[in-house]
Amino acid sequence: MTETEKPQAFNLYFGDVPDRPADAREVGWIGTEGPGIAAAQWPRGPLTGLPMLHAFTLELPEAYRRKGADYPAIAFFQGEGQFAEEPEPGPSADSEDPFLQDWAQAVEHPMLARREDIIDGQFALIWLTAEEFAAGPSAPPQDTRRSGEHGPEDEGPNAWDTHVDLAPVFIAGREDPNAGLAPNELGEGGYLDMWDESAGAVHGWVDQLGSSDHLGGTSLPVQGMPEGLSPWYVEFNEFGGLNFGGGSAQLDLETETFDWACD
């Protein structure tokens, strides 16, 4: 984005949302199928070894490609929960357990960024090349567990036990006075808070923003504003197999900020 270009925010529509605007265009997908990465690179829970649930893959507008032009898209995953325990024995290429053999072959994607919430829940962000984006949607790794073993006992979703139907993601422009500004509660940098203290309610312009799932602009957290958000973040509500206690999350594409809160 050049200095003369006006910063933009965008509304997102995860799934075939019926009230999306007519000019919304398809830019990705949700569902169990993920991006076109190698099966061995599919992110796994660090303790359980279970493959994480793919939440969405999204081709980003140019200004949001914070890793450069070589990485125009992202994929986001949620994995093991707060009660995850490491199996004993652990992954081993020599194990008689086919799951532990398979886990031992897993490797980290070179553009993987792990995120962890306050209760030790696991998440992953992968920056994708154009080729990896175009090669999806792709099935998760084959389930190698023997019957009754390595079940989902950690209160987190995974790609084998949580099925979500494939559906498109759409994007449309968002008329937002905070486009290009870093969200904060103090009005720093010219950022406008959504709350009108004098009226004891949100400002009228908040209702005109459209979808509460969006890229950039005004943040609408269900509890407090996370610290460290840049202008280049994704805010999205719980959908599909995601578990935010009915709330929403903020995932920054510039900083390492990630947070979610229940409703």
C-alpha atoms as a PDB file:
ATOM      1  CA  MET A   1       0.000   0.000   0.000  1.00  0.00           C
ATOM      2  CA  THR A   2       1.420   3.389  -0.976  1.00  0.00           C
ATOM      3  CA  GLU A   3       1.225   6.520   1.169  1.00  0.00           C
ATOM      4  CA  THR A   4      -1.466   7.956  -1.113  1.00  0.00           C
ATOM      5  CA  GLU A   5      -3.764   4.926  -0.839  1.00  0.00           C
ATOM      6  CA  LYS A   6      -6.505   5.071   1.759  1.00  0.00           C
ATOM      7  CA  PRO A   7      -6.300   2.232   4.309  1.00  0.00           C
ATOM      8  CA  GLN A   8      -9.181  -0.204   4.028  1.00  0.00           C
ATOM      9  CA  ALA A   9     -11.018  -2.538   6.342  1.00  0.00           C
ATOM     10  CA  PHE A  10     -13.016  -5.506   5.091  1.00  0.00           C
ATOM     11  CA  ASN A  11     -15.985  -7.531   6.286  1.00  0.00           C
ATOM     12  CA  LEU A  12     -15.668 -11.304   6.199  1.00  0.00           C
ATOM     13  CA  TYR A  13     -18.434 -13.871   5.801  1.00  0.00           C
ATOM     14  CA  PHE A  14     -17.427 -17.350   6.995  1.00  0.00           C
ATOM     15  CA  GLY A  15     -19.727 -19.770   5.226  1.00  0.00           C
ATOM     16  CA  ASP A  16     -22.591 -19.166   2.849  1.00  0.00           C
ATOM     17  CA  VAL A  17     -24.029 -16.270   4.891  1.00  0.00           C
ATOM     18  CA  PRO A  18     -27.376 -15.296   3.326  1.00  0.00           C
ATOM     19  CA  ASP A  19     -27.208 -11.545   4.052  1.00  0.00           C
ATOM     20  CA  ARG A  20     -23.766 -10.852   2.623  1.00  0.00           C
ATOM     21  CA  PRO A  21     -23.655  -7.911   0.168  1.00  0.00           C
ATOM     22  CA  ALA A  22     -24.002  -8.497  -3.550  1.00  0.00           C
ATOM     23  CA  ASP A  23     -20.444  -7.318  -4.258  1.00  0.00           C
ATOM     24  CA  ALA A  24     -18.820  -9.790  -1.831  1.00  0.00           C
ATOM     25  CA  ARG A  25     -16.277 -12.043  -3.522  1.00  0.00           C
ATOM     26  CA  GLU A  26     -15.064 -15.505  -2.594  1.00  0.00           C
ATOM     27  CA  VAL A  27     -11.559 -15.589  -1.059  1.00  0.00           C
ATOM     28  CA  GLY A  28     -11.240 -18.890   0.773  1.00  0.00           C
ATOM     29  CA  TRP A  29     -13.063 -21.591   2.680  1.00  0.00           C
ATOM     30  CA  ILE A  30     -13.937 -23.061   6.066  1.00  0.00           C
ATOM     31  CA  GLY A  31     -14.268 -26.721   6.963  1.00  0.00           C
ATOM     32  CA  THR A  32     -12.223 -29.780   7.816  1.00  0.00           C
ATOM     33  CA  GLU A  33     -10.293 -29.576   4.535  1.00  0.00           C
ATOM     34  CA  GLY A  34      -7.226 -27.350   4.773  1.00  0.00           C
ATOM     35  CA  PRO A  35      -4.676 -25.720   2.469  1.00  0.00           C
ATOM     36  CA  GLY A  36      -2.493 -27.562  -0.019  1.00  0.00           C
ATOM     37  CA  ILE A  37       0.381 -28.376   2.311  1.00  0.00           C
ATOM     38  CA  ALA A  38       2.179 -31.687   2.759  1.00  0.00           C
ATOM     39  CA  ALA A  39       0.408 -34.106   5.108  1.00  0.00           C
ATOM     40  CA  ALA A  40       3.501 -34.213   7.326  1.00  0.00           C
ATOM     41  CA  GLN A  41       3.320 -30.397   7.710  1.00  0.00           C
ATOM     42  CA  TRP A  42      -0.272 -30.328   8.969  1.00  0.00           C
ATOM     43  CA  PRO A  43       0.032 -28.758  12.446  1.00  0.00           C
ATOM     44  CA  ARG A  44      -0.351 -31.122  15.386  1.00  0.00           C
ATOM     45  CA  GLY A  45      -0.940 -30.638  19.063  1.00  0.00           C
ATOM     46  CA  PRO A  46       2.447 -30.505  20.794  1.00  0.00           C
ATOM     47  CA  LEU A  47       1.298 -32.827  23.590  1.00  0.00           C
ATOM     48  CA  THR A  48      -1.296 -35.135  22.023  1.00  0.00           C
ATOM     49  CA  GLY A  49       0.083 -35.262  18.480  1.00  0.00           C
ATOM     50  CA  LEU A  50      -3.467 -35.042  17.127  1.00  0.00           C
ATOM     51  CA  PRO A  51      -3.762 -32.980  13.928  1.00  0.00           C
ATOM     52  CA  MET A  52      -5.325 -29.588  14.594  1.00  0.00           C
ATOM     53  CA  LEU A  53      -8.742 -28.671  13.221  1.00  0.00           C
ATOM     54  CA  HIS A  54      -8.609 -26.419  10.172  1.00  0.00           C
ATOM     55  CA  ALA A  55     -10.829 -23.404  10.842  1.00  0.00           C
ATOM     56  CA  PHE A  56     -10.363 -21.265   7.726  1.00  0.00           C
ATOM     57  CA  THR A  57      -8.088 -20.500   4.813  1.00  0.00           C
ATOM     58  CA  LEU A  58      -8.186 -16.933   3.513  1.00  0.00           C
ATOM     59  CA  GLU A  59      -6.540 -15.060   0.652  1.00  0.00           C
ATOM     60  CA  LEU A  60      -5.683 -11.629   2.058  1.00  0.00           C
ATOM     61  CA  PRO A  61      -6.008  -8.155   0.516  1.00  0.00           C
ATOM     62  CA  GLU A  62      -2.593  -6.804  -0.429  1.00  0.00           C
ATOM     63  CA  ALA A  63      -2.134  -4.499   2.573  1.00  0.00           C
ATOM     64  CA  TYR A  64      -2.723  -7.415   4.979  1.00  0.00           C
ATOM     65  CA  ARG A  65       0.009  -9.603   3.489  1.00  0.00           C
ATOM     66  CA  ARG A  66       2.398  -8.789   6.304  1.00  0.00           C
ATOM     67  CA  LYS A  67       4.916 -11.487   5.382  1.00  0.00           C
ATOM     68  CA  GLY A  68       5.294 -10.063   1.884  1.00  0.00           C
ATOM     69  CA  ALA A  69       3.979 -10.802  -1.571  1.00  0.00           C
ATOM     70  CA  ASP A  70       5.259 -14.384  -1.479  1.00  0.00           C
ATOM     71  CA  TYR A  71       2.667 -15.240   1.182  1.00  0.00           C
ATOM     72  CA  PRO A  72      -0.720 -13.925   0.051  1.00  0.00           C
ATOM     73  CA  ALA A  73      -2.906 -16.195   2.200  1.00  0.00           C
ATOM     74  CA  ILE A  74      -3.242 -17.673   5.663  1.00  0.00           C
ATOM     75  CA  ALA A  75      -4.685 -20.789   7.252  1.00  0.00           C
ATOM     76  CA  PHE A  76      -5.808 -20.880  10.885  1.00  0.00           C
ATOM     77  CA  PHE A  77      -6.181 -23.973  13.082  1.00  0.00           C
ATOM     78  CA  GLN A  78      -7.365 -24.800  16.602  1.00  0.00           C
ATOM     79  CA  GLY A  79      -6.039 -27.830  18.437  1.00  0.00           C
ATOM     80  CA  GLU A  80      -5.694 -29.473  21.807  1.00  0.00           C
ATOM     81  CA  GLY A  81      -7.281 -27.957  24.889  1.00  0.00           C
ATOM     82  CA  GLN A  82      -6.300 -27.291  28.464  1.00  0.00           C
ATOM     83  CA  PHE A  83      -6.399 -30.922  29.596  1.00  0.00           C
ATOM     84  CA  ALA A  84      -3.977 -32.260  26.999  1.00  0.00           C
ATOM     85  CA  GLU A  85      -1.490 -34.853  28.220  1.00  0.00           C
ATOM     86  CA  GLU A  86       1.538 -36.251  26.467  1.00  0.00           C
ATOM     87  CA  PRO A  87       1.287 -39.991  25.771  1.00  0.00           C
ATOM     88  CA  GLU A  88       3.840 -42.348  27.268  1.00  0.00           C
ATOM     89  CA  PRO A  89       5.667 -43.542  25.269  1.00  0.00           C
ATOM     90  CA  GLY A  90       5.852 -40.628  22.870  1.00  0.00           C
ATOM     91  CA  PRO A  91       6.301 -40.457  19.097  1.00  0.00           C
ATOM     92  CA  SER A  92       8.813 -42.904  17.695  1.00  0.00           C
ATOM     93  CA  ALA A  93       9.589 -44.200  14.233  1.00  0.00           C
ATOM     94  CA  ASP A  94      10.292 -47.591  15.854  1.00  0.00           C
ATOM     95  CA  SER A  95       7.027 -47.780  17.782  1.00  0.00           C
ATOM     96  CA  GLU A  96       4.562 -50.618  17.203  1.00  0.00           C
ATOM     97  CA  ASP A  97       1.785 -48.032  17.514  1.00  0.00           C
ATOM     98  CA  PRO A  98       1.008 -46.723  13.982  1.00  0.00           C
ATOM     99  CA  PHE A  99      -0.129 -43.360  15.378  1.00  0.00           C
ATOM    100  CA  LEU A 100       3.159 -42.820  17.225  1.00  0.00           C
ATOM    101  CA  GLN A 101       5.050 -43.843  14.069  1.00  0.00           C
ATOM    102  CA  ASP A 102       3.063 -41.345  12.021  1.00  0.00           C
ATOM    103  CA  TRP A 103       3.530 -38.573  14.600  1.00  0.00           C
ATOM    104  CA  ALA A 104       7.280 -39.113  14.485  1.00  0.00           C
ATOM    105  CA  GLN A 105       7.238 -38.260  10.767  1.00  0.00           C
ATOM    106  CA  ALA A 106       5.546 -34.873  11.324  1.00  0.00           C
ATOM    107  CA  VAL A 107       7.513 -31.698  10.580  1.00  0.00           C
ATOM    108  CA  GLU A 108       6.730 -28.031  11.190  1.00  0.00           C
ATOM    109  CA  HIS A 109       5.661 -26.018   8.157  1.00  0.00           C
ATOM    110  CA  PRO A 110       8.342 -23.353   7.543  1.00  0.00           C
ATOM    111  CA  MET A 111       5.754 -20.555   7.883  1.00  0.00           C
ATOM    112  CA  LEU A 112       3.979 -21.966  10.935  1.00  0.00           C
ATOM    113  CA  ALA A 113       3.369 -19.612  13.873  1.00  0.00           C
ATOM    114  CA  ARG A 114       1.978 -21.229  17.003  1.00  0.00           C
ATOM    115  CA  ARG A 115      -0.303 -19.395  19.404  1.00  0.00           C
ATOM    116  CA  GLU A 116      -1.379 -20.412  22.910  1.00  0.00           C
ATOM    117  CA  ASP A 117      -4.263 -19.018  24.919  1.00  0.00           C
ATOM    118  CA  ILE A 118      -4.344 -18.271  28.646  1.00  0.00           C
ATOM    119  CA  ILE A 119      -5.645 -21.771  29.469  1.00  0.00           C
ATOM    120  CA  ASP A 120      -2.982 -23.538  27.358  1.00  0.00           C
ATOM    121  CA  GLY A 121      -5.234 -24.142  24.358  1.00  0.00           C
ATOM    122  CA  GLN A 122      -3.274 -24.540  21.122  1.00  0.00           C
ATOM    123  CA  PHE A 123      -3.714 -22.631  17.856  1.00  0.00           C
ATOM    124  CA  ALA A 124      -1.688 -22.301  14.670  1.00  0.00           C
ATOM    125  CA  LEU A 125      -1.342 -19.771  11.859  1.00  0.00           C
ATOM    126  CA  ILE A 126       0.316 -20.772   8.585  1.00  0.00           C
ATOM    127  CA  TRP A 127       1.317 -18.213   5.972  1.00  0.00           C
ATOM    128  CA  LEU A 128       0.673 -19.756   2.563  1.00  0.00           C
ATOM    129  CA  THR A 129       2.216 -19.316  -0.848  1.00  0.00           C
ATOM    130  CA  ALA A 130      -0.087 -18.775  -3.819  1.00  0.00           C
ATOM    131  CA  GLU A 131       0.547 -22.384  -4.839  1.00  0.00           C
ATOM    132  CA  GLU A 132      -0.392 -23.768  -1.409  1.00  0.00           C
ATOM    133  CA  PHE A 133      -3.564 -21.707  -1.395  1.00  0.00           C
ATOM    134  CA  ALA A 134      -4.548 -22.777  -4.919  1.00  0.00           C
ATOM    135  CA  ALA A 135      -3.911 -26.457  -4.123  1.00  0.00           C
ATOM    136  CA  GLY A 136      -6.618 -26.566  -1.431  1.00  0.00           C
ATOM    137  CA  PRO A 137      -9.041 -27.535  -0.081  1.00  0.00           C
ATOM    138  CA  SER A 138      -7.111 -30.648   0.916  1.00  0.00           C
ATOM    139  CA  ALA A 139      -7.990 -33.439   3.324  1.00  0.00           C
ATOM    140  CA  PRO A 140      -6.157 -33.646   6.666  1.00  0.00           C
ATOM    141  CA  PRO A 141      -3.661 -36.458   7.260  1.00  0.00           C
ATOM    142  CA  GLN A 142      -5.059 -39.963   7.294  1.00  0.00           C
ATOM    143  CA  ASP A 143      -6.249 -41.174  10.702  1.00  0.00           C
ATOM    144  CA  THR A 144      -3.655 -43.739  11.803  1.00  0.00           C
ATOM    145  CA  ARG A 145      -5.066 -44.523  15.250  1.00  0.00           C
ATOM    146  CA  ARG A 146      -6.011 -48.010  16.295  1.00  0.00           C
ATOM    147  CA  SER A 147      -9.572 -48.379  17.546  1.00  0.00           C
ATOM    148  CA  GLY A 148     -10.096 -46.870  20.995  1.00  0.00           C
ATOM    149  CA  GLU A 149      -6.683 -45.207  21.226  1.00  0.00           C
ATOM    150  CA  HIS A 150      -5.574 -41.537  21.347  1.00  0.00           C
ATOM    151  CA  GLY A 151      -9.084 -40.196  21.728  1.00  0.00           C
ATOM    152  CA  PRO A 152     -10.081 -36.518  22.058  1.00  0.00           C
ATOM    153  CA  GLU A 153      -9.906 -36.190  25.853  1.00  0.00           C
ATOM    154  CA  ASP A 154      -8.320 -32.721  26.018  1.00  0.00           C
ATOM    155  CA  GLU A 155     -11.472 -30.578  25.397  1.00  0.00           C
ATOM    156  CA  GLY A 156     -10.014 -29.286  22.144  1.00  0.00           C
ATOM    157  CA  PRO A 157     -11.063 -29.974  18.545  1.00  0.00           C
ATOM    158  CA  ASN A 158      -8.956 -31.976  16.115  1.00  0.00           C
ATOM    159  CA  ALA A 159      -9.062 -32.823  12.425  1.00  0.00           C
ATOM    160  CA  TRP A 160     -10.066 -36.456  12.966  1.00  0.00           C
ATOM    161  CA  ASP A 161     -12.859 -36.156  15.532  1.00  0.00           C
ATOM    162  CA  THR A 162     -14.396 -32.777  14.630  1.00  0.00           C
ATOM    163  CA  HIS A 163     -15.990 -32.635  11.193  1.00  0.00           C
ATOM    164  CA  VAL A 164     -16.996 -29.308   9.642  1.00  0.00           C
ATOM    165  CA  ASP A 165     -18.560 -29.124   6.188  1.00  0.00           C
ATOM    166  CA  LEU A 166     -16.706 -27.272   3.456  1.00  0.00           C
ATOM    167  CA  ALA A 167     -18.121 -23.784   2.797  1.00  0.00           C
ATOM    168  CA  PRO A 168     -16.828 -20.582   1.154  1.00  0.00           C
ATOM    169  CA  VAL A 169     -15.428 -17.429   2.738  1.00  0.00           C
ATOM    170  CA  PHE A 170     -16.433 -14.086   1.236  1.00  0.00           C
ATOM    171  CA  ILE A 171     -15.004 -10.573   1.610  1.00  0.00           C
ATOM    172  CA  ALA A 172     -16.459  -7.114   1.013  1.00  0.00           C
ATOM    173  CA  GLY A 173     -15.388  -3.549   1.732  1.00  0.00           C
ATOM    174  CA  ARG A 174     -16.166  -2.098   5.158  1.00  0.00           C
ATOM    175  CA  GLU A 175     -16.851   1.607   5.699  1.00  0.00           C
ATOM    176  CA  ASP A 176     -14.995   1.996   8.961  1.00  0.00           C
ATOM    177  CA  PRO A 177     -13.615   5.211  10.513  1.00  0.00           C
ATOM    178  CA  ASN A 178     -10.846   3.177  12.170  1.00  0.00           C
ATOM    179  CA  ALA A 179      -9.491   1.572   9.004  1.00  0.00           C
ATOM    180  CA  GLY A 180      -5.692   1.692   9.076  1.00  0.00           C
ATOM    181  CA  LEU A 181      -5.554   2.425  12.832  1.00  0.00           C
ATOM    182  CA  ALA A 182      -4.397   0.204  15.683  1.00  0.00           C
ATOM    183  CA  PRO A 183      -7.304  -0.646  18.050  1.00  0.00           C
ATOM    184  CA  ASN A 184      -6.952   0.612  21.626  1.00  0.00           C
ATOM    185  CA  GLU A 185      -9.171   1.787  24.462  1.00  0.00           C
ATOM    186  CA  LEU A 186      -7.455   5.154  24.989  1.00  0.00           C
ATOM    187  CA  GLY A 187      -8.143   6.845  21.657  1.00  0.00           C
ATOM    188  CA  GLU A 188      -4.445   6.851  20.800  1.00  0.00           C
ATOM    189  CA  GLY A 189      -3.482   7.558  17.199  1.00  0.00           C
ATOM    190  CA  GLY A 190      -6.938   8.876  16.431  1.00  0.00           C
ATOM    191  CA  TYR A 191      -8.656   5.539  17.054  1.00  0.00           C
ATOM    192  CA  LEU A 192     -12.370   5.971  17.832  1.00  0.00           C
ATOM    193  CA  ASP A 193     -13.764   3.798  20.611  1.00  0.00           C
ATOM    194  CA  MET A 194     -17.058   2.107  19.795  1.00  0.00           C
ATOM    195  CA  TRP A 195     -18.539   3.132  23.160  1.00  0.00           C
ATOM    196  CA  ASP A 196     -20.303   6.481  23.612  1.00  0.00           C
ATOM    197  CA  GLU A 197     -19.813   7.286  27.302  1.00  0.00           C
ATOM    198  CA  SER A 198     -22.290  10.176  27.288  1.00  0.00           C
ATOM    199  CA  ALA A 199     -25.074   8.014  25.903  1.00  0.00           C
ATOM    200  CA  GLY A 200     -24.115   4.835  27.733  1.00  0.00           C
ATOM    201  CA  ALA A 201     -24.302   2.889  24.483  1.00  0.00           C
ATOM    202  CA  VAL A 202     -22.307   2.168  21.349  1.00  0.00           C
ATOM    203  CA  HIS A 203     -22.039   4.934  18.767  1.00  0.00           C
ATOM    204  CA  GLY A 204     -24.573   4.846  15.970  1.00  0.00           C
ATOM    205  CA  TRP A 205     -21.910   4.335  13.333  1.00  0.00           C
ATOM    206  CA  VAL A 206     -20.993   0.967  14.863  1.00  0.00           C
ATOM    207  CA  ASP A 207     -24.283  -0.498  13.639  1.00  0.00           C
ATOM    208  CA  GLN A 208     -23.342   0.459  10.082  1.00  0.00           C
ATOM    209  CA  LEU A 209     -20.095  -1.525  10.027  1.00  0.00           C
ATOM    210  CA  GLY A 210     -21.722  -4.748   8.847  1.00  0.00           C
ATOM    211  CA  SER A 211     -20.264  -8.111   9.788  1.00  0.00           C
ATOM    212  CA  SER A 212     -18.560  -8.553  13.170  1.00  0.00           C
ATOM    213  CA  ASP A 213     -16.102 -10.861  11.380  1.00  0.00           C
ATOM    214  CA  HIS A 214     -13.617  -8.584   9.669  1.00  0.00           C
ATOM    215  CA  LEU A 215     -10.091  -7.526   8.695  1.00  0.00           C
ATOM    216  CA  GLY A 216      -8.890  -4.319  10.342  1.00  0.00           C
ATOM    217  CA  GLY A 217     -10.901  -1.323  11.478  1.00  0.00           C
ATOM    218  CA  THR A 218     -12.987  -1.161  14.643  1.00  0.00           C
ATOM    219  CA  SER A 219     -12.489  -4.030  17.050  1.00  0.00           C
ATOM    220  CA  LEU A 220     -15.610  -5.392  18.749  1.00  0.00           C
ATOM    221  CA  PRO A 221     -14.265  -7.661  21.522  1.00  0.00           C
ATOM    222  CA  VAL A 222     -16.858  -9.335  23.734  1.00  0.00           C
ATOM    223  CA  GLN A 223     -14.734  -8.415  26.772  1.00  0.00           C
ATOM    224  CA  GLY A 224     -11.625  -6.211  27.067  1.00  0.00           C
ATOM    225  CA  MET A 225      -9.491  -4.995  24.168  1.00  0.00           C
ATOM    226  CA  PRO A 226      -6.342  -7.124  23.713  1.00  0.00           C
ATOM    227  CA  GLU A 227      -3.078  -5.229  23.958  1.00  0.00           C
ATOM    228  CA  GLY A 228      -0.716  -5.117  21.014  1.00  0.00           C
ATOM    229  CA  LEU A 229      -3.141  -5.099  18.103  1.00  0.00           C
ATOM    230  CA  SER A 230      -1.883  -3.459  14.914  1.00  0.00           C
ATOM    231  CA  PRO A 231      -4.107  -2.172  12.089  1.00  0.00           C
ATOM    232  CA  TRP A 232      -3.600  -5.555  10.392  1.00  0.00           C
ATOM    233  CA  TYR A 233      -5.651  -8.088  12.327  1.00  0.00           C
ATOM    234  CA  VAL A 234      -8.512 -10.542  11.863  1.00  0.00           C
ATOM    235  CA  GLU A 235     -11.452 -10.540  14.259  1.00  0.00           C
ATOM    236  CA  PHE A 236     -13.854 -13.458  14.065  1.00  0.00           C
ATOM    237  CA  ASN A 237     -16.587 -15.106  16.069  1.00  0.00           C
ATOM    238  CA  GLU A 238     -16.939 -18.761  16.938  1.00  0.00           C
ATOM    239  CA  PHE A 239     -18.128 -20.901  14.014  1.00  0.00           C
ATOM    240  CA  GLY A 240     -17.730 -24.434  12.729  1.00  0.00           C
ATOM    241  CA  GLY A 241     -15.623 -26.439  15.175  1.00  0.00           C
ATOM    242  CA  LEU A 242     -13.991 -23.434  16.856  1.00  0.00           C
ATOM    243  CA  ASN A 243     -14.439 -23.151  20.612  1.00  0.00           C
ATOM    244  CA  PHE A 244     -14.304 -19.636  22.079  1.00  0.00           C
ATOM    245  CA  GLY A 245     -17.002 -20.214  24.690  1.00  0.00           C
ATOM    246  CA  GLY A 246     -19.481 -18.566  22.352  1.00  0.00           C
ATOM    247  CA  GLY A 247     -17.241 -15.502  22.012  1.00  0.00           C
ATOM    248  CA  SER A 248     -14.806 -14.018  19.518  1.00  0.00           C
ATOM    249  CA  ALA A 249     -11.067 -13.862  18.792  1.00  0.00           C
ATOM    250  CA  GLN A 250      -8.505 -11.357  17.557  1.00  0.00           C
ATOM    251  CA  LEU A 251      -5.549 -12.632  15.515  1.00  0.00           C
ATOM    252  CA  ASP A 252      -2.935 -10.051  14.555  1.00  0.00           C
ATOM    253  CA  LEU A 253      -1.044 -10.474  11.278  1.00  0.00           C
ATOM    254  CA  GLU A 254       1.726  -7.997  12.163  1.00  0.00           C
ATOM    255  CA  THR A 255       2.399  -8.683  15.840  1.00  0.00           C
ATOM    256  CA  GLU A 256       2.133 -11.912  17.823  1.00  0.00           C
ATOM    257  CA  THR A 257      -1.061 -10.798  19.541  1.00  0.00           C
ATOM    258  CA  PHE A 258      -3.772 -13.436  19.759  1.00  0.00           C
ATOM    259  CA  ASP A 259      -6.663 -13.450  22.196  1.00  0.00           C
ATOM    260  CA  TRP A 260     -10.201 -14.675  22.575  1.00  0.00           C
ATOM    261  CA  ALA A 261     -12.920 -14.186  25.167  1.00  0.00           C
ATOM    262  CA  CYS A 262     -16.185 -15.959  25.895  1.00  0.00           C
ATOM    263  CA  ASP A 263     -19.525 -14.240  25.565  1.00  0.00           C
END
